[in-house]
Structures are given as structure tokens and as C-alpha cells.
Amino acid sequence: MDAEDIVSARAPRPVGAGRDTPPPPTQSKCKLDRKTVEKNRRDHMKFLYSKLDSLIASSSSSASSYLPDRLEEATNYIKSSSPQIEVHDLGSGINAVLIVSSHHDQAIMHRAIRAVVEEGNVDVLNAHYSSAGDKSIVSLHTLVRDSNESGSGPSGTRSMLDRLKKAF
């Protein structure tokens, strides 16, 4: 090889040269695949956000709000729709259970009673279900048969609360 061949091998090609040879297939295919994958991912996320917007009960102004605001609103809606459960130890083996839910379903009361009495040492003295506005309220008064067992006191209250949370 002489010096002229070496220089021509290192010299850049003219702009129009080499159009007949396509770029290596893996390089262009990777770029195309990444573009397509990213476009599909974005389209899927848009679909999921629109589905989320249609599922939550929101005002018409939320459609024009920013995405972080809509996600915050959806998070707050989900938190508010889950039942709020409180168990209070009233002493002498008596516990008061209060469940506030956004669902108008009397099966909530039946699930609560089943969860409370599943250990076998608890009797339900009083059960009350009521609806107020968009909330349902279940109130239970329970009596622990044997106060030496785990049904009364702070540990019994904690175990009853755990059973209720599992039920809901």
C-alpha cells in the first residue's frame, strides 16, 4: 500500500457516497424499537390516567388540572373510600367498635360481626347500622366472656382491630 491509499482510506466519505449500503440492521432496529416501545408506553400511561380520571368522582375542573394534582386527588379519594375502623376499650371486658365507610352496604356489618366473634370468646351485645349522607356507620358493642384471655385490655383491643382490618 502506498501513501495515497492510506490517506484515501482515512479520509471521510463525501456526503452522497455510501447511500447504497444500509446501516447495520441492529443499530437502526434498536432505535426504531426504542422509539416504538417509548411511544407505546406513553400511550398506555395516557390510557391509564384517563381511566383513573373516569373512575374517581371528581369535578369537571380536575380534567384541566395538572397530572400531579389529579394523582393527589385520586390518592385522597382512595384513602377516603377505605373504611375507618376504631376499637375502644370501655373497661370490664366491653369494647366499642365503630366502622365508617363510604359504601352503602349492610354486608359491612355482617363482616364486622363475623370478624369480632371469630375467636369465640366475644359476644356481640349490640349492633347498629345506619347511613348518613354518603357514609355508612356500623357500631358494635362487644363483651369479652373471660377477662383473663386476650379479649380485653389494650392487647385485646389491638387483636380485635387487627382482625377487623383483615376483614376489610
Protein backbone atom coordinates (compact mmCIF):
# COMPACT_ATOMS: atom_id res chain seq x y z
CA MET A 1 0.00 0.00 0.00
CA ASP A 2 1.32 3.40 -0.83
CA ALA A 3 0.68 6.67 0.98
CA GLU A 4 -2.17 7.66 -1.32
CA ASP A 5 -4.17 4.52 -0.46
CA ILE A 6 -3.71 5.11 3.28
CA VAL A 7 -4.89 8.73 3.03
CA SER A 8 -7.95 7.77 0.97
CA ALA A 9 -8.84 5.04 3.48
CA ARG A 10 -8.79 7.53 6.35
CA ALA A 11 -10.47 10.40 4.53
CA PRO A 12 -14.17 10.94 5.22
CA ARG A 13 -16.61 9.94 2.54
CA PRO A 14 -18.43 12.58 0.56
CA VAL A 15 -21.97 13.35 1.62
CA GLY A 16 -23.67 11.36 -1.13
CA ALA A 17 -21.32 8.39 -1.02
CA GLY A 18 -22.36 5.15 0.60
CA ARG A 19 -26.10 5.53 0.23
CA ASP A 20 -26.35 2.19 -1.45
CA THR A 21 -25.23 0.38 1.68
CA PRO A 22 -27.77 0.47 4.51
CA PRO A 23 -26.61 0.99 8.09
CA PRO A 24 -26.12 -2.14 10.15
CA PRO A 25 -29.56 -3.62 10.89
CA THR A 26 -29.08 -3.87 14.65
CA GLN A 27 -28.36 -0.17 15.07
CA SER A 28 -31.44 1.17 13.22
CA LYS A 29 -33.69 -1.59 14.58
CA CYS A 30 -32.71 -0.73 18.16
CA LYS A 31 -33.53 2.93 17.60
CA LEU A 32 -36.85 2.06 16.00
CA ASP A 33 -37.69 -0.41 18.72
CA ARG A 34 -36.85 2.05 21.47
CA LYS A 35 -38.96 4.72 19.79
CA THR A 36 -41.87 2.35 19.35
CA VAL A 37 -41.60 1.00 22.87
CA GLU A 38 -41.49 4.51 24.35
CA LYS A 39 -44.45 5.65 22.23
CA ASN A 40 -46.46 2.60 23.29
CA ARG A 41 -45.53 3.19 26.93
CA ARG A 42 -46.68 6.81 26.76
CA ASP A 43 -49.93 5.86 25.06
CA HIS A 44 -50.57 3.21 27.70
CA MET A 45 -49.93 5.71 30.51
CA LYS A 46 -52.31 8.22 28.89
CA PHE A 47 -54.96 5.49 28.74
CA LEU A 48 -54.42 4.58 32.40
CA TYR A 49 -54.60 8.23 33.51
CA SER A 50 -57.84 8.77 31.59
CA LYS A 51 -59.28 5.58 33.10
CA LEU A 52 -58.28 6.77 36.59
CA ASP A 53 -59.93 10.14 35.94
CA SER A 54 -63.15 8.43 34.88
CA LEU A 55 -63.18 6.16 37.96
CA ILE A 56 -62.83 8.81 40.64
CA ALA A 57 -65.73 11.06 41.48
CA SER A 58 -64.32 14.44 40.61
CA SER A 59 -65.39 17.83 39.45
CA SER A 60 -65.05 18.98 35.85
CA SER A 61 -62.24 21.35 36.83
CA SER A 62 -59.90 18.43 37.58
CA ALA A 63 -59.79 17.49 33.90
CA SER A 64 -57.84 20.65 33.17
CA SER A 65 -55.55 20.41 36.20
CA TYR A 66 -52.01 19.13 36.13
CA LEU A 67 -51.17 15.46 36.42
CA PRO A 68 -49.64 15.64 39.93
CA ASP A 69 -52.82 17.34 41.18
CA ARG A 70 -55.00 14.65 39.60
CA LEU A 71 -52.86 11.90 41.15
CA GLU A 72 -53.09 13.58 44.56
CA GLU A 73 -56.87 13.83 44.18
CA ALA A 74 -57.06 10.13 43.26
CA THR A 75 -54.91 9.20 46.27
CA ASN A 76 -57.13 11.20 48.61
CA TYR A 77 -60.25 9.64 47.09
CA ILE A 78 -58.91 6.12 47.60
CA LYS A 79 -57.93 6.88 51.20
CA SER A 80 -61.35 8.35 51.95
CA SER A 81 -63.20 5.40 50.40
CA SER A 82 -61.47 2.81 52.59
CA PRO A 83 -63.33 2.10 55.84
CA GLN A 84 -62.15 3.81 59.01
CA ILE A 85 -62.09 1.37 61.92
CA GLU A 86 -61.90 2.30 65.61
CA VAL A 87 -61.94 -0.03 68.61
CA HIS A 88 -62.30 1.44 72.11
CA ASP A 89 -61.82 -0.48 75.36
CA LEU A 90 -64.59 0.66 77.73
CA GLY A 91 -63.39 -1.48 80.65
CA SER A 92 -64.98 -4.56 82.27
CA GLY A 93 -64.40 -6.51 79.07
CA ILE A 94 -66.63 -4.25 76.98
CA ASN A 95 -65.36 -2.93 73.65
CA ALA A 96 -66.96 -0.48 71.27
CA VAL A 97 -66.29 -0.90 67.56
CA LEU A 98 -67.03 1.89 65.10
CA ILE A 99 -66.64 1.47 61.34
CA VAL A 100 -67.25 4.37 58.98
CA SER A 101 -67.35 3.52 55.28
CA SER A 102 -68.31 5.29 52.07
CA HIS A 103 -70.17 2.23 50.78
CA HIS A 104 -73.89 1.74 51.41
CA ASP A 105 -73.67 -2.00 52.00
CA GLN A 106 -75.17 -3.75 55.01
CA ALA A 107 -72.82 -6.68 54.41
CA ILE A 108 -70.20 -4.50 56.14
CA MET A 109 -72.00 -5.08 59.44
CA HIS A 110 -72.12 -8.84 58.90
CA ARG A 111 -68.40 -8.96 58.04
CA ALA A 112 -67.60 -6.91 61.15
CA ILE A 113 -69.61 -9.21 63.44
CA ARG A 114 -68.02 -12.29 61.89
CA ALA A 115 -64.52 -10.82 62.37
CA VAL A 116 -65.18 -9.87 66.00
CA VAL A 117 -66.61 -13.20 67.14
CA GLU A 118 -64.25 -15.48 65.21
CA GLU A 119 -62.04 -16.08 68.28
CA GLY A 120 -65.02 -17.44 70.18
CA ASN A 121 -64.64 -15.59 73.50
CA VAL A 122 -66.52 -12.43 72.43
CA ASP A 123 -70.27 -11.82 72.48
CA VAL A 124 -71.88 -9.02 70.49
CA LEU A 125 -74.21 -7.10 72.82
CA ASN A 126 -75.47 -4.52 70.34
CA ALA A 127 -75.04 -3.99 66.60
CA HIS A 128 -76.28 -0.92 64.77
CA TYR A 129 -76.09 0.06 61.10
CA SER A 130 -77.00 3.49 59.77
CA SER A 131 -76.47 5.60 56.69
CA ALA A 132 -75.81 9.29 56.92
CA GLY A 133 -75.28 11.17 53.68
CA ASP A 134 -72.65 9.33 51.69
CA LYS A 135 -71.33 7.40 54.72
CA SER A 136 -72.33 4.13 56.33
CA ILE A 137 -71.75 3.69 60.04
CA VAL A 138 -71.55 0.37 61.88
CA SER A 139 -71.44 0.41 65.67
CA LEU A 140 -70.85 -2.74 67.73
CA HIS A 141 -70.70 -3.21 71.49
CA THR A 142 -68.97 -6.43 72.50
CA LEU A 143 -68.44 -8.28 75.76
CA VAL A 144 -65.44 -10.50 76.39
CA ARG A 145 -66.57 -13.65 78.23
CA ASP A 146 -63.32 -14.34 80.07
CA SER A 147 -61.34 -11.23 81.01
CA ASN A 148 -58.20 -13.34 81.69
CA GLU A 149 -57.93 -14.16 77.99
CA SER A 150 -56.65 -11.83 75.30
CA GLY A 151 -60.04 -10.28 74.56
CA SER A 152 -59.92 -7.38 76.99
CA GLY A 153 -57.40 -4.67 77.70
CA PRO A 154 -55.06 -2.98 75.23
CA SER A 155 -53.80 -6.26 73.72
CA GLY A 156 -57.38 -7.49 73.18
CA THR A 157 -58.32 -4.19 71.60
CA ARG A 158 -55.29 -4.45 69.32
CA SER A 159 -56.13 -8.04 68.28
CA MET A 160 -59.75 -7.09 67.59
CA LEU A 161 -58.59 -4.14 65.49
CA ASP A 162 -56.20 -6.42 63.56
CA ARG A 163 -58.99 -8.93 62.86
CA LEU A 164 -61.28 -6.15 61.62
CA LYS A 165 -58.59 -4.72 59.35
CA LYS A 166 -58.04 -8.17 57.85
CA ALA A 167 -61.78 -8.49 57.23
CA PHE A 168 -61.88 -5.21 55.36
